[in-house]
Amino acid sequence: MTELQRLPSRIRTRFIAVLALITSGITFGSGLIVFLYMKSPAFEVQLRGQVLKDMDWIIENEFERQVQKLKPRPVADANDPNKWFWDYIEQRNKKYIEWETKGKWEQ
């Protein structure tokens, strides 16, 4: 019987196949770990921190613009049950202003 000898090219082919399998397994494992990390809350917090760090001035400008659009609320509403109080305060303030500007100097 003749013995079958493994040819060097066959050994080299198996070595390349095993090396490719190991490389493929490492790549798949790395991808899986990265995927799991990107789904984690830690990644979300880190990403939000990095994004907001560069967007602070945009948020401040938008906030200032929205504040400028706000209109002041009237102090007394027509249906306000305390309207008499606000009217009284307004009349009293007018009297004080009159006394400070004119009455005080006439005594």
PDB file of N, CA and C in Angstrom:
ATOM      1  N   MET A   1       0.810  -1.183   0.000  1.00  0.00           N
ATOM      2  CA  MET A   1       0.000   0.000   0.000  1.00  0.00           C
ATOM      3  C   MET A   1       0.839   1.226   0.000  1.00  0.00           C
ATOM      4  N   THR A   2       0.304   2.092  -0.681  1.00  0.00           N
ATOM      5  CA  THR A   2       1.029   3.360  -0.758  1.00  0.00           C
ATOM      6  C   THR A   2       0.447   4.317   0.271  1.00  0.00           C
ATOM      7  N   GLU A   3       1.340   5.024   0.891  1.00  0.00           N
ATOM      8  CA  GLU A   3       0.893   6.009   1.879  1.00  0.00           C
ATOM      9  C   GLU A   3       0.547   7.313   1.183  1.00  0.00           C
ATOM     10  N   LEU A   4      -0.548   7.871   1.654  1.00  0.00           N
ATOM     11  CA  LEU A   4      -0.927   9.175   1.099  1.00  0.00           C
ATOM     12  C   LEU A   4      -0.218  10.268   1.879  1.00  0.00           C
ATOM     13  N   GLN A   5       0.419  11.110   1.185  1.00  0.00           N
ATOM     14  CA  GLN A   5       1.119  12.219   1.829  1.00  0.00           C
ATOM     15  C   GLN A   5       0.308  13.492   1.624  1.00  0.00           C
ATOM     16  N   ARG A   6       0.316  14.279   2.675  1.00  0.00           N
ATOM     17  CA  ARG A   6      -0.385  15.572   2.547  1.00  0.00           C
ATOM     18  C   ARG A   6       0.529  16.524   1.824  1.00  0.00           C
ATOM     19  N   LEU A   7      -0.047  17.128   0.853  1.00  0.00           N
ATOM     20  CA  LEU A   7       0.744  18.067   0.084  1.00  0.00           C
ATOM     21  C   LEU A   7       0.887  19.377   0.841  1.00  0.00           C
ATOM     22  N   PRO A   8       1.958  20.110   0.673  1.00  0.00           N
ATOM     23  CA  PRO A   8       2.141  21.380   1.383  1.00  0.00           C
ATOM     24  C   PRO A   8       1.049  22.397   1.044  1.00  0.00           C
ATOM     25  N   SER A   9       0.540  22.338  -0.159  1.00  0.00           N
ATOM     26  CA  SER A   9      -0.520  23.292  -0.514  1.00  0.00           C
ATOM     27  C   SER A   9      -1.797  22.992   0.269  1.00  0.00           C
ATOM     28  N   ARG A  10      -2.049  21.715   0.554  1.00  0.00           N
ATOM     29  CA  ARG A  10      -3.236  21.357   1.310  1.00  0.00           C
ATOM     30  C   ARG A  10      -3.105  21.813   2.766  1.00  0.00           C
ATOM     31  N   ILE A  11      -1.952  21.689   3.332  1.00  0.00           N
ATOM     32  CA  ILE A  11      -1.707  22.162   4.693  1.00  0.00           C
ATOM     33  C   ILE A  11      -1.870  23.673   4.753  1.00  0.00           C
ATOM     34  N   ARG A  12      -1.329  24.350   3.793  1.00  0.00           N
ATOM     35  CA  ARG A  12      -1.432  25.810   3.727  1.00  0.00           C
ATOM     36  C   ARG A  12      -2.885  26.234   3.566  1.00  0.00           C
ATOM     37  N   THR A  13      -3.687  25.524   2.800  1.00  0.00           N
ATOM     38  CA  THR A  13      -5.091  25.845   2.601  1.00  0.00           C
ATOM     39  C   THR A  13      -5.871  25.681   3.902  1.00  0.00           C
ATOM     40  N   ARG A  14      -5.595  24.610   4.639  1.00  0.00           N
ATOM     41  CA  ARG A  14      -6.280  24.404   5.918  1.00  0.00           C
ATOM     42  C   ARG A  14      -5.879  25.486   6.925  1.00  0.00           C
ATOM     43  N   PHE A  15      -4.615  25.843   6.931  1.00  0.00           N
ATOM     44  CA  PHE A  15      -4.151  26.898   7.834  1.00  0.00           C
ATOM     45  C   PHE A  15      -4.851  28.221   7.527  1.00  0.00           C
ATOM     46  N   ILE A  16      -4.971  28.557   6.268  1.00  0.00           N
ATOM     47  CA  ILE A  16      -5.662  29.791   5.851  1.00  0.00           C
ATOM     48  C   ILE A  16      -7.129  29.716   6.225  1.00  0.00           C
ATOM     49  N   ALA A  17      -7.764  28.558   6.077  1.00  0.00           N
ATOM     50  CA  ALA A  17      -9.183  28.405   6.412  1.00  0.00           C
ATOM     51  C   ALA A  17      -9.404  28.577   7.912  1.00  0.00           C
ATOM     52  N   VAL A  18      -8.525  27.975   8.732  1.00  0.00           N
ATOM     53  CA  VAL A  18      -8.657  28.115  10.181  1.00  0.00           C
ATOM     54  C   VAL A  18      -8.410  29.569  10.588  1.00  0.00           C
ATOM     55  N   LEU A  19      -7.424  30.191   9.999  1.00  0.00           N
ATOM     56  CA  LEU A  19      -7.123  31.597  10.287  1.00  0.00           C
ATOM     57  C   LEU A  19      -8.301  32.498   9.886  1.00  0.00           C
ATOM     58  N   ALA A  20      -8.928  32.217   8.762  1.00  0.00           N
ATOM     59  CA  ALA A  20     -10.092  32.985   8.326  1.00  0.00           C
ATOM     60  C   ALA A  20     -11.270  32.774   9.275  1.00  0.00           C
ATOM     61  N   LEU A  21     -11.443  31.548   9.771  1.00  0.00           N
ATOM     62  CA  LEU A  21     -12.512  31.262  10.721  1.00  0.00           C
ATOM     63  C   LEU A  21     -12.288  32.025  12.027  1.00  0.00           C
ATOM     64  N   ILE A  22     -11.068  32.050  12.509  1.00  0.00           N
ATOM     65  CA  ILE A  22     -10.760  32.789  13.737  1.00  0.00           C
ATOM     66  C   ILE A  22     -10.995  34.277  13.530  1.00  0.00           C
ATOM     67  N   THR A  23     -10.525  34.817  12.408  1.00  0.00           N
ATOM     68  CA  THR A  23     -10.718  36.236  12.103  1.00  0.00           C
ATOM     69  C   THR A  23     -12.201  36.579  11.988  1.00  0.00           C
ATOM     70  N   SER A  24     -12.949  35.712  11.352  1.00  0.00           N
ATOM     71  CA  SER A  24     -14.379  35.933  11.209  1.00  0.00           C
ATOM     72  C   SER A  24     -15.071  35.896  12.565  1.00  0.00           C
ATOM     73  N   GLY A  25     -14.688  34.957  13.425  1.00  0.00           N
ATOM     74  CA  GLY A  25     -15.268  34.874  14.763  1.00  0.00           C
ATOM     75  C   GLY A  25     -14.961  36.112  15.592  1.00  0.00           C
ATOM     76  N   ILE A  26     -13.738  36.595  15.527  1.00  0.00           N
ATOM     77  CA  ILE A  26     -13.354  37.821  16.261  1.00  0.00           C
ATOM     78  C   ILE A  26     -14.150  39.010  15.741  1.00  0.00           C
ATOM     79  N   THR A  27     -14.293  39.126  14.428  1.00  0.00           N
ATOM     80  CA  THR A  27     -15.055  40.232  13.838  1.00  0.00           C
ATOM     81  C   THR A  27     -16.517  40.182  14.260  1.00  0.00           C
ATOM     82  N   PHE A  28     -17.106  38.985  14.232  1.00  0.00           N
ATOM     83  CA  PHE A  28     -18.498  38.847  14.648  1.00  0.00           C
ATOM     84  C   PHE A  28     -18.656  39.185  16.129  1.00  0.00           C
ATOM     85  N   GLY A  29     -17.764  38.684  16.954  1.00  0.00           N
ATOM     86  CA  GLY A  29     -17.812  38.977  18.391  1.00  0.00           C
ATOM     87  C   GLY A  29     -17.656  40.462  18.673  1.00  0.00           C
ATOM     88  N   SER A  30     -16.736  41.111  17.976  1.00  0.00           N
ATOM     89  CA  SER A  30     -16.547  42.558  18.154  1.00  0.00           C
ATOM     90  C   SER A  30     -17.796  43.326  17.744  1.00  0.00           C
ATOM     91  N   GLY A  31     -18.378  42.941  16.623  1.00  0.00           N
ATOM     92  CA  GLY A  31     -19.608  43.599  16.174  1.00  0.00           C
ATOM     93  C   GLY A  31     -20.737  43.417  17.170  1.00  0.00           C
ATOM     94  N   LEU A  32     -20.847  42.221  17.733  1.00  0.00           N
ATOM     95  CA  LEU A  32     -21.884  41.951  18.713  1.00  0.00           C
ATOM     96  C   LEU A  32     -21.673  42.793  19.980  1.00  0.00           C
ATOM     97  N   ILE A  33     -20.438  42.886  20.434  1.00  0.00           N
ATOM     98  CA  ILE A  33     -20.143  43.695  21.619  1.00  0.00           C
ATOM     99  C   ILE A  33     -20.448  45.172  21.355  1.00  0.00           C
ATOM    100  N   VAL A  34     -20.060  45.678  20.184  1.00  0.00           N
ATOM    101  CA  VAL A  34     -20.346  47.078  19.842  1.00  0.00           C
ATOM    102  C   VAL A  34     -21.855  47.303  19.763  1.00  0.00           C
ATOM    103  N   PHE A  35     -22.583  46.366  19.168  1.00  0.00           N
ATOM    104  CA  PHE A  35     -24.040  46.495  19.079  1.00  0.00           C
ATOM    105  C   PHE A  35     -24.672  46.550  20.465  1.00  0.00           C
ATOM    106  N   LEU A  36     -24.239  45.658  21.360  1.00  0.00           N
ATOM    107  CA  LEU A  36     -24.790  45.655  22.710  1.00  0.00           C
ATOM    108  C   LEU A  36     -24.436  46.936  23.457  1.00  0.00           C
ATOM    109  N   TYR A  37     -23.237  47.456  23.242  1.00  0.00           N
ATOM    110  CA  TYR A  37     -22.852  48.704  23.901  1.00  0.00           C
ATOM    111  C   TYR A  37     -23.688  49.875  23.376  1.00  0.00           C
ATOM    112  N   MET A  38     -23.948  49.885  22.074  1.00  0.00           N
ATOM    113  CA  MET A  38     -24.727  50.996  21.501  1.00  0.00           C
ATOM    114  C   MET A  38     -26.181  50.950  21.950  1.00  0.00           C
ATOM    115  N   LYS A  39     -26.661  49.800  22.389  1.00  0.00           N
ATOM    116  CA  LYS A  39     -28.016  49.692  22.914  1.00  0.00           C
ATOM    117  C   LYS A  39     -28.086  50.035  24.404  1.00  0.00           C
ATOM    118  N   SER A  40     -26.946  50.175  25.064  1.00  0.00           N
ATOM    119  CA  SER A  40     -26.923  50.371  26.512  1.00  0.00           C
ATOM    120  C   SER A  40     -27.177  51.836  26.874  1.00  0.00           C
ATOM    121  N   PRO A  41     -27.679  52.101  28.081  1.00  0.00           N
ATOM    122  CA  PRO A  41     -27.900  53.477  28.539  1.00  0.00           C
ATOM    123  C   PRO A  41     -26.596  54.272  28.665  1.00  0.00           C
ATOM    124  N   ALA A  42     -25.492  53.598  28.931  1.00  0.00           N
ATOM    125  CA  ALA A  42     -24.206  54.302  29.061  1.00  0.00           C
ATOM    126  C   ALA A  42     -23.837  54.987  27.750  1.00  0.00           C
ATOM    127  N   PHE A  43     -24.043  54.310  26.634  1.00  0.00           N
ATOM    128  CA  PHE A  43     -23.739  54.910  25.331  1.00  0.00           C
ATOM    129  C   PHE A  43     -24.645  56.101  25.063  1.00  0.00           C
ATOM    130  N   GLU A  44     -25.925  55.975  25.425  1.00  0.00           N
ATOM    131  CA  GLU A  44     -26.868  57.068  25.215  1.00  0.00           C
ATOM    132  C   GLU A  44     -26.459  58.309  26.015  1.00  0.00           C
ATOM    133  N   VAL A  45     -26.049  58.088  27.260  1.00  0.00           N
ATOM    134  CA  VAL A  45     -25.617  59.211  28.103  1.00  0.00           C
ATOM    135  C   VAL A  45     -24.366  59.851  27.531  1.00  0.00           C
ATOM    136  N   GLN A  46     -23.422  59.033  27.098  1.00  0.00           N
ATOM    137  CA  GLN A  46     -22.187  59.558  26.530  1.00  0.00           C
ATOM    138  C   GLN A  46     -22.463  60.350  25.249  1.00  0.00           C
ATOM    139  N   LEU A  47     -23.288  59.813  24.381  1.00  0.00           N
ATOM    140  CA  LEU A  47     -23.607  60.485  23.125  1.00  0.00           C
ATOM    141  C   LEU A  47     -24.341  61.793  23.370  1.00  0.00           C
ATOM    142  N   ARG A  48     -25.323  61.767  24.292  1.00  0.00           N
ATOM    143  CA  ARG A  48     -26.067  62.979  24.610  1.00  0.00           C
ATOM    144  C   ARG A  48     -25.136  64.049  25.168  1.00  0.00           C
ATOM    145  N   GLY A  49     -24.203  63.645  26.016  1.00  0.00           N
ATOM    146  CA  GLY A  49     -23.248  64.601  26.586  1.00  0.00           C
ATOM    147  C   GLY A  49     -22.377  65.228  25.520  1.00  0.00           C
ATOM    148  N   GLN A  50     -21.917  64.438  24.567  1.00  0.00           N
ATOM    149  CA  GLN A  50     -21.063  64.970  23.512  1.00  0.00           C
ATOM    150  C   GLN A  50     -21.841  65.870  22.560  1.00  0.00           C
ATOM    151  N   VAL A  51     -23.073  65.516  22.268  1.00  0.00           N
ATOM    152  CA  VAL A  51     -23.876  66.332  21.357  1.00  0.00           C
ATOM    153  C   VAL A  51     -24.277  67.640  22.024  1.00  0.00           C
ATOM    154  N   LEU A  52     -24.764  67.579  23.251  1.00  0.00           N
ATOM    155  CA  LEU A  52     -25.213  68.788  23.933  1.00  0.00           C
ATOM    156  C   LEU A  52     -24.059  69.712  24.265  1.00  0.00           C
ATOM    157  N   LYS A  53     -22.857  69.157  24.414  1.00  0.00           N
ATOM    158  CA  LYS A  53     -21.691  69.986  24.684  1.00  0.00           C
ATOM    159  C   LYS A  53     -21.477  70.984  23.539  1.00  0.00           C
ATOM    160  N   ASP A  54     -21.711  70.540  22.323  1.00  0.00           N
ATOM    161  CA  ASP A  54     -21.509  71.395  21.160  1.00  0.00           C
ATOM    162  C   ASP A  54     -22.754  72.184  20.776  1.00  0.00           C
ATOM    163  N   MET A  55     -23.892  71.914  21.425  1.00  0.00           N
ATOM    164  CA  MET A  55     -25.136  72.589  21.047  1.00  0.00           C
ATOM    165  C   MET A  55     -25.628  73.577  22.095  1.00  0.00           C
ATOM    166  N   ASP A  56     -24.857  73.814  23.152  1.00  0.00           N
ATOM    167  CA  ASP A  56     -25.296  74.724  24.213  1.00  0.00           C
ATOM    168  C   ASP A  56     -25.654  76.101  23.673  1.00  0.00           C
ATOM    169  N   TRP A  57     -24.814  76.641  22.786  1.00  0.00           N
ATOM    170  CA  TRP A  57     -25.075  77.989  22.280  1.00  0.00           C
ATOM    171  C   TRP A  57     -26.327  78.022  21.418  1.00  0.00           C
ATOM    172  N   ILE A  58     -26.630  76.955  20.710  1.00  0.00           N
ATOM    173  CA  ILE A  58     -27.852  76.905  19.893  1.00  0.00           C
ATOM    174  C   ILE A  58     -29.071  76.912  20.807  1.00  0.00           C
ATOM    175  N   ILE A  59     -29.016  76.130  21.875  1.00  0.00           N
ATOM    176  CA  ILE A  59     -30.134  76.072  22.807  1.00  0.00           C
ATOM    177  C   ILE A  59     -30.337  77.422  23.479  1.00  0.00           C
ATOM    178  N   GLU A  60     -29.239  78.086  23.875  1.00  0.00           N
ATOM    179  CA  GLU A  60     -29.354  79.393  24.519  1.00  0.00           C
ATOM    180  C   GLU A  60     -29.962  80.421  23.573  1.00  0.00           C
ATOM    181  N   ASN A  61     -29.527  80.421  22.321  1.00  0.00           N
ATOM    182  CA  ASN A  61     -30.080  81.375  21.344  1.00  0.00           C
ATOM    183  C   ASN A  61     -31.564  81.116  21.100  1.00  0.00           C
ATOM    184  N   GLU A  62     -31.943  79.863  20.978  1.00  0.00           N
ATOM    185  CA  GLU A  62     -33.354  79.527  20.748  1.00  0.00           C
ATOM    186  C   GLU A  62     -34.191  79.912  21.959  1.00  0.00           C
ATOM    187  N   PHE A  63     -33.656  79.678  23.159  1.00  0.00           N
ATOM    188  CA  PHE A  63     -34.366  80.050  24.377  1.00  0.00           C
ATOM    189  C   PHE A  63     -34.579  81.559  24.436  1.00  0.00           C
ATOM    190  N   GLU A  64     -33.547  82.338  24.120  1.00  0.00           N
ATOM    191  CA  GLU A  64     -33.674  83.795  24.129  1.00  0.00           C
ATOM    192  C   GLU A  64     -34.707  84.262  23.108  1.00  0.00           C
ATOM    193  N   ARG A  65     -34.711  83.643  21.940  1.00  0.00           N
ATOM    194  CA  ARG A  65     -35.673  84.017  20.900  1.00  0.00           C
ATOM    195  C   ARG A  65     -37.101  83.719  21.351  1.00  0.00           C
ATOM    196  N   GLN A  66     -37.305  82.575  21.991  1.00  0.00           N
ATOM    197  CA  GLN A  66     -38.645  82.226  22.460  1.00  0.00           C
ATOM    198  C   GLN A  66     -39.088  83.136  23.604  1.00  0.00           C
ATOM    199  N   VAL A  67     -38.148  83.541  24.464  1.00  0.00           N
ATOM    200  CA  VAL A  67     -38.497  84.441  25.557  1.00  0.00           C
ATOM    201  C   VAL A  67     -38.922  85.793  25.005  1.00  0.00           C
ATOM    202  N   GLN A  68     -38.268  86.257  23.954  1.00  0.00           N
ATOM    203  CA  GLN A  68     -38.632  87.546  23.366  1.00  0.00           C
ATOM    204  C   GLN A  68     -40.024  87.513  22.738  1.00  0.00           C
ATOM    205  N   LYS A  69     -40.464  86.342  22.301  1.00  0.00           N
ATOM    206  CA  LYS A  69     -41.794  86.229  21.699  1.00  0.00           C
ATOM    207  C   LYS A  69     -42.908  86.234  22.745  1.00  0.00           C
ATOM    208  N   LEU A  70     -42.567  85.967  23.992  1.00  0.00           N
ATOM    209  CA  LEU A  70     -43.587  85.912  25.030  1.00  0.00           C
ATOM    210  C   LEU A  70     -44.217  87.278  25.251  1.00  0.00           C
ATOM    211  N   LYS A  71     -45.495  87.288  25.478  1.00  0.00           N
ATOM    212  CA  LYS A  71     -46.210  88.522  25.779  1.00  0.00           C
ATOM    213  C   LYS A  71     -46.562  88.502  27.262  1.00  0.00           C
ATOM    214  N   PRO A  72     -46.444  89.640  27.921  1.00  0.00           N
ATOM    215  CA  PRO A  72     -46.776  89.639  29.357  1.00  0.00           C
ATOM    216  C   PRO A  72     -48.275  89.416  29.575  1.00  0.00           C
ATOM    217  N   ARG A  73     -48.595  88.724  30.621  1.00  0.00           N
ATOM    218  CA  ARG A  73     -49.989  88.484  30.957  1.00  0.00           C
ATOM    219  C   ARG A  73     -50.563  89.725  31.621  1.00  0.00           C
ATOM    220  N   PRO A  74     -51.810  89.992  31.384  1.00  0.00           N
ATOM    221  CA  PRO A  74     -52.425  91.120  32.100  1.00  0.00           C
ATOM    222  C   PRO A  74     -52.544  90.785  33.583  1.00  0.00           C
ATOM    223  N   VAL A  75     -52.377  91.802  34.416  1.00  0.00           N
ATOM    224  CA  VAL A  75     -52.412  91.577  35.856  1.00  0.00           C
ATOM    225  C   VAL A  75     -53.811  91.181  36.289  1.00  0.00           C
ATOM    226  N   ALA A  76     -54.812  91.883  35.805  1.00  0.00           N
ATOM    227  CA  ALA A  76     -56.188  91.598  36.212  1.00  0.00           C
ATOM    228  C   ALA A  76     -56.990  91.154  34.997  1.00  0.00           C
ATOM    229  N   ASP A  77     -57.646  90.047  35.149  1.00  0.00           N
ATOM    230  CA  ASP A  77     -58.511  89.524  34.105  1.00  0.00           C
ATOM    231  C   ASP A  77     -59.924  90.049  34.336  1.00  0.00           C
ATOM    232  N   ALA A  78     -60.717  90.139  33.290  1.00  0.00           N
ATOM    233  CA  ALA A  78     -62.089  90.629  33.426  1.00  0.00           C
ATOM    234  C   ALA A  78     -62.909  89.710  34.332  1.00  0.00           C
ATOM    235  N   ASN A  79     -62.588  88.435  34.350  1.00  0.00           N
ATOM    236  CA  ASN A  79     -63.322  87.487  35.182  1.00  0.00           C
ATOM    237  C   ASN A  79     -62.633  87.214  36.520  1.00  0.00           C
ATOM    238  N   ASP A  80     -61.649  88.006  36.839  1.00  0.00           N
ATOM    239  CA  ASP A  80     -60.898  87.801  38.074  1.00  0.00           C
ATOM    240  C   ASP A  80     -61.737  88.222  39.279  1.00  0.00           C
ATOM    241  N   PRO A  81     -61.924  87.339  40.253  1.00  0.00           N
ATOM    242  CA  PRO A  81     -62.719  87.719  41.426  1.00  0.00           C
ATOM    243  C   PRO A  81     -62.015  88.748  42.309  1.00  0.00           C
ATOM    244  N   ASN A  82     -60.707  88.924  42.133  1.00  0.00           N
ATOM    245  CA  ASN A  82     -59.954  89.893  42.930  1.00  0.00           C
ATOM    246  C   ASN A  82     -59.721  91.205  42.182  1.00  0.00           C
ATOM    247  N   LYS A  83     -60.532  91.456  41.166  1.00  0.00           N
ATOM    248  CA  LYS A  83     -60.363  92.668  40.363  1.00  0.00           C
ATOM    249  C   LYS A  83     -60.483  93.915  41.228  1.00  0.00           C
ATOM    250  N   TRP A  84     -61.370  93.924  42.212  1.00  0.00           N
ATOM    251  CA  TRP A  84     -61.537  95.085  43.096  1.00  0.00           C
ATOM    252  C   TRP A  84     -60.226  95.406  43.818  1.00  0.00           C
ATOM    253  N   PHE A  85     -59.464  94.357  44.179  1.00  0.00           N
ATOM    254  CA  PHE A  85     -58.205  94.577  44.881  1.00  0.00           C
ATOM    255  C   PHE A  85     -57.190  95.263  43.973  1.00  0.00           C
ATOM    256  N   TRP A  86     -57.095  94.769  42.740  1.00  0.00           N
ATOM    257  CA  TRP A  86     -56.130  95.358  41.810  1.00  0.00           C
ATOM    258  C   TRP A  86     -56.527  96.787  41.459  1.00  0.00           C
ATOM    259  N   ASP A  87     -57.818  97.062  41.350  1.00  0.00           N
ATOM    260  CA  ASP A  87     -58.272  98.435  41.105  1.00  0.00           C
ATOM    261  C   ASP A  87     -57.910  99.334  42.279  1.00  0.00           C
ATOM    262  N   TYR A  88     -58.110  98.842  43.486  1.00  0.00           N
ATOM    263  CA  TYR A  88     -57.766  99.605  44.681  1.00  0.00           C
ATOM    264  C   TYR A  88     -56.264  99.920  44.715  1.00  0.00           C
ATOM    265  N   ILE A  89     -55.432  98.921  44.410  1.00  0.00           N
ATOM    266  CA  ILE A  89     -53.978  99.129  44.405  1.00  0.00           C
ATOM    267  C   ILE A  89     -53.602 100.160  43.356  1.00  0.00           C
ATOM    268  N   GLU A  90     -54.212 100.088  42.200  1.00  0.00           N
ATOM    269  CA  GLU A  90     -53.904 101.048  41.137  1.00  0.00           C
ATOM    270  C   GLU A  90     -54.297 102.464  41.546  1.00  0.00           C
ATOM    271  N   GLN A  91     -55.476 102.646  42.154  1.00  0.00           N
ATOM    272  CA  GLN A  91     -55.908 103.976  42.615  1.00  0.00           C
ATOM    273  C   GLN A  91     -54.983 104.489  43.713  1.00  0.00           C
ATOM    274  N   ARG A  92     -54.617 103.635  44.635  1.00  0.00           N
ATOM    275  CA  ARG A  92     -53.723 104.038  45.712  1.00  0.00           C
ATOM    276  C   ARG A  92     -52.363 104.463  45.162  1.00  0.00           C
ATOM    277  N   ASN A  93     -51.846 103.714  44.189  1.00  0.00           N
ATOM    278  CA  ASN A  93     -50.566 104.081  43.588  1.00  0.00           C
ATOM    279  C   ASN A  93     -50.658 105.415  42.871  1.00  0.00           C
ATOM    280  N   LYS A  94     -51.782 105.672  42.193  1.00  0.00           N
ATOM    281  CA  LYS A  94     -51.961 106.975  41.531  1.00  0.00           C
ATOM    282  C   LYS A  94     -51.966 108.103  42.547  1.00  0.00           C
ATOM    283  N   LYS A  95     -52.633 107.892  43.693  1.00  0.00           N
ATOM    284  CA  LYS A  95     -52.662 108.915  44.744  1.00  0.00           C
ATOM    285  C   LYS A  95     -51.259 109.174  45.275  1.00  0.00           C
ATOM    286  N   TYR A  96     -50.510 108.113  45.500  1.00  0.00           N
ATOM    287  CA  TYR A  96     -49.140 108.287  45.986  1.00  0.00           C
ATOM    288  C   TYR A  96     -48.278 109.029  44.978  1.00  0.00           C
ATOM    289  N   ILE A  97     -48.444 108.712  43.723  1.00  0.00           N
ATOM    290  CA  ILE A  97     -47.664 109.400  42.676  1.00  0.00           C
ATOM    291  C   ILE A  97     -48.041 110.872  42.636  1.00  0.00           C
ATOM    292  N   GLU A  98     -49.340 111.169  42.708  1.00  0.00           N
ATOM    293  CA  GLU A  98     -49.779 112.571  42.722  1.00  0.00           C
ATOM    294  C   GLU A  98     -49.185 113.309  43.922  1.00  0.00           C
ATOM    295  N   TRP A  99     -49.224 112.667  45.084  1.00  0.00           N
ATOM    296  CA  TRP A  99     -48.708 113.321  46.281  1.00  0.00           C
ATOM    297  C   TRP A  99     -47.197 113.529  46.187  1.00  0.00           C
ATOM    298  N   GLU A 100     -46.460 112.528  45.612  1.00  0.00           N
ATOM    299  CA  GLU A 100     -45.010 112.658  45.499  1.00  0.00           C
ATOM    300  C   GLU A 100     -44.633 113.737  44.496  1.00  0.00           C
ATOM    301  N   THR A 101     -45.375 113.852  43.408  1.00  0.00           N
ATOM    302  CA  THR A 101     -44.980 114.806  42.368  1.00  0.00           C
ATOM    303  C   THR A 101     -45.524 116.214  42.599  1.00  0.00           C
ATOM    304  N   LYS A 102     -46.696 116.341  43.220  1.00  0.00           N
ATOM    305  CA  LYS A 102     -47.283 117.670  43.369  1.00  0.00           C
ATOM    306  C   LYS A 102     -47.604 118.023  44.819  1.00  0.00           C
ATOM    307  N   GLY A 103     -48.369 117.186  45.500  1.00  0.00           N
ATOM    308  CA  GLY A 103     -48.881 117.496  46.831  1.00  0.00           C
ATOM    309  C   GLY A 103     -47.797 117.691  47.868  1.00  0.00           C
ATOM    310  N   LYS A 104     -46.744 116.943  47.804  1.00  0.00           N
ATOM    311  CA  LYS A 104     -45.677 117.025  48.783  1.00  0.00           C
ATOM    312  C   LYS A 104     -45.006 118.398  48.773  1.00  0.00           C
ATOM    313  N   TRP A 105     -44.947 119.005  47.601  1.00  0.00           N
ATOM    314  CA  TRP A 105     -44.228 120.282  47.448  1.00  0.00           C
ATOM    315  C   TRP A 105     -45.112 121.481  47.766  1.00  0.00           C
ATOM    316  N   GLU A 106     -46.425 121.257  47.830  1.00  0.00           N
ATOM    317  CA  GLU A 106     -47.337 122.380  48.089  1.00  0.00           C
ATOM    318  C   GLU A 106     -47.554 122.614  49.566  1.00  0.00           C
ATOM    319  N   GLN A 107     -47.073 121.785  50.442  1.00  0.00           N
ATOM    320  CA  GLN A 107     -47.300 121.931  51.895  1.00  0.00           C
ATOM    321  C   GLN A 107     -46.402 122.983  52.495  1.00  0.00           C
TER     322      GLN A 107
END
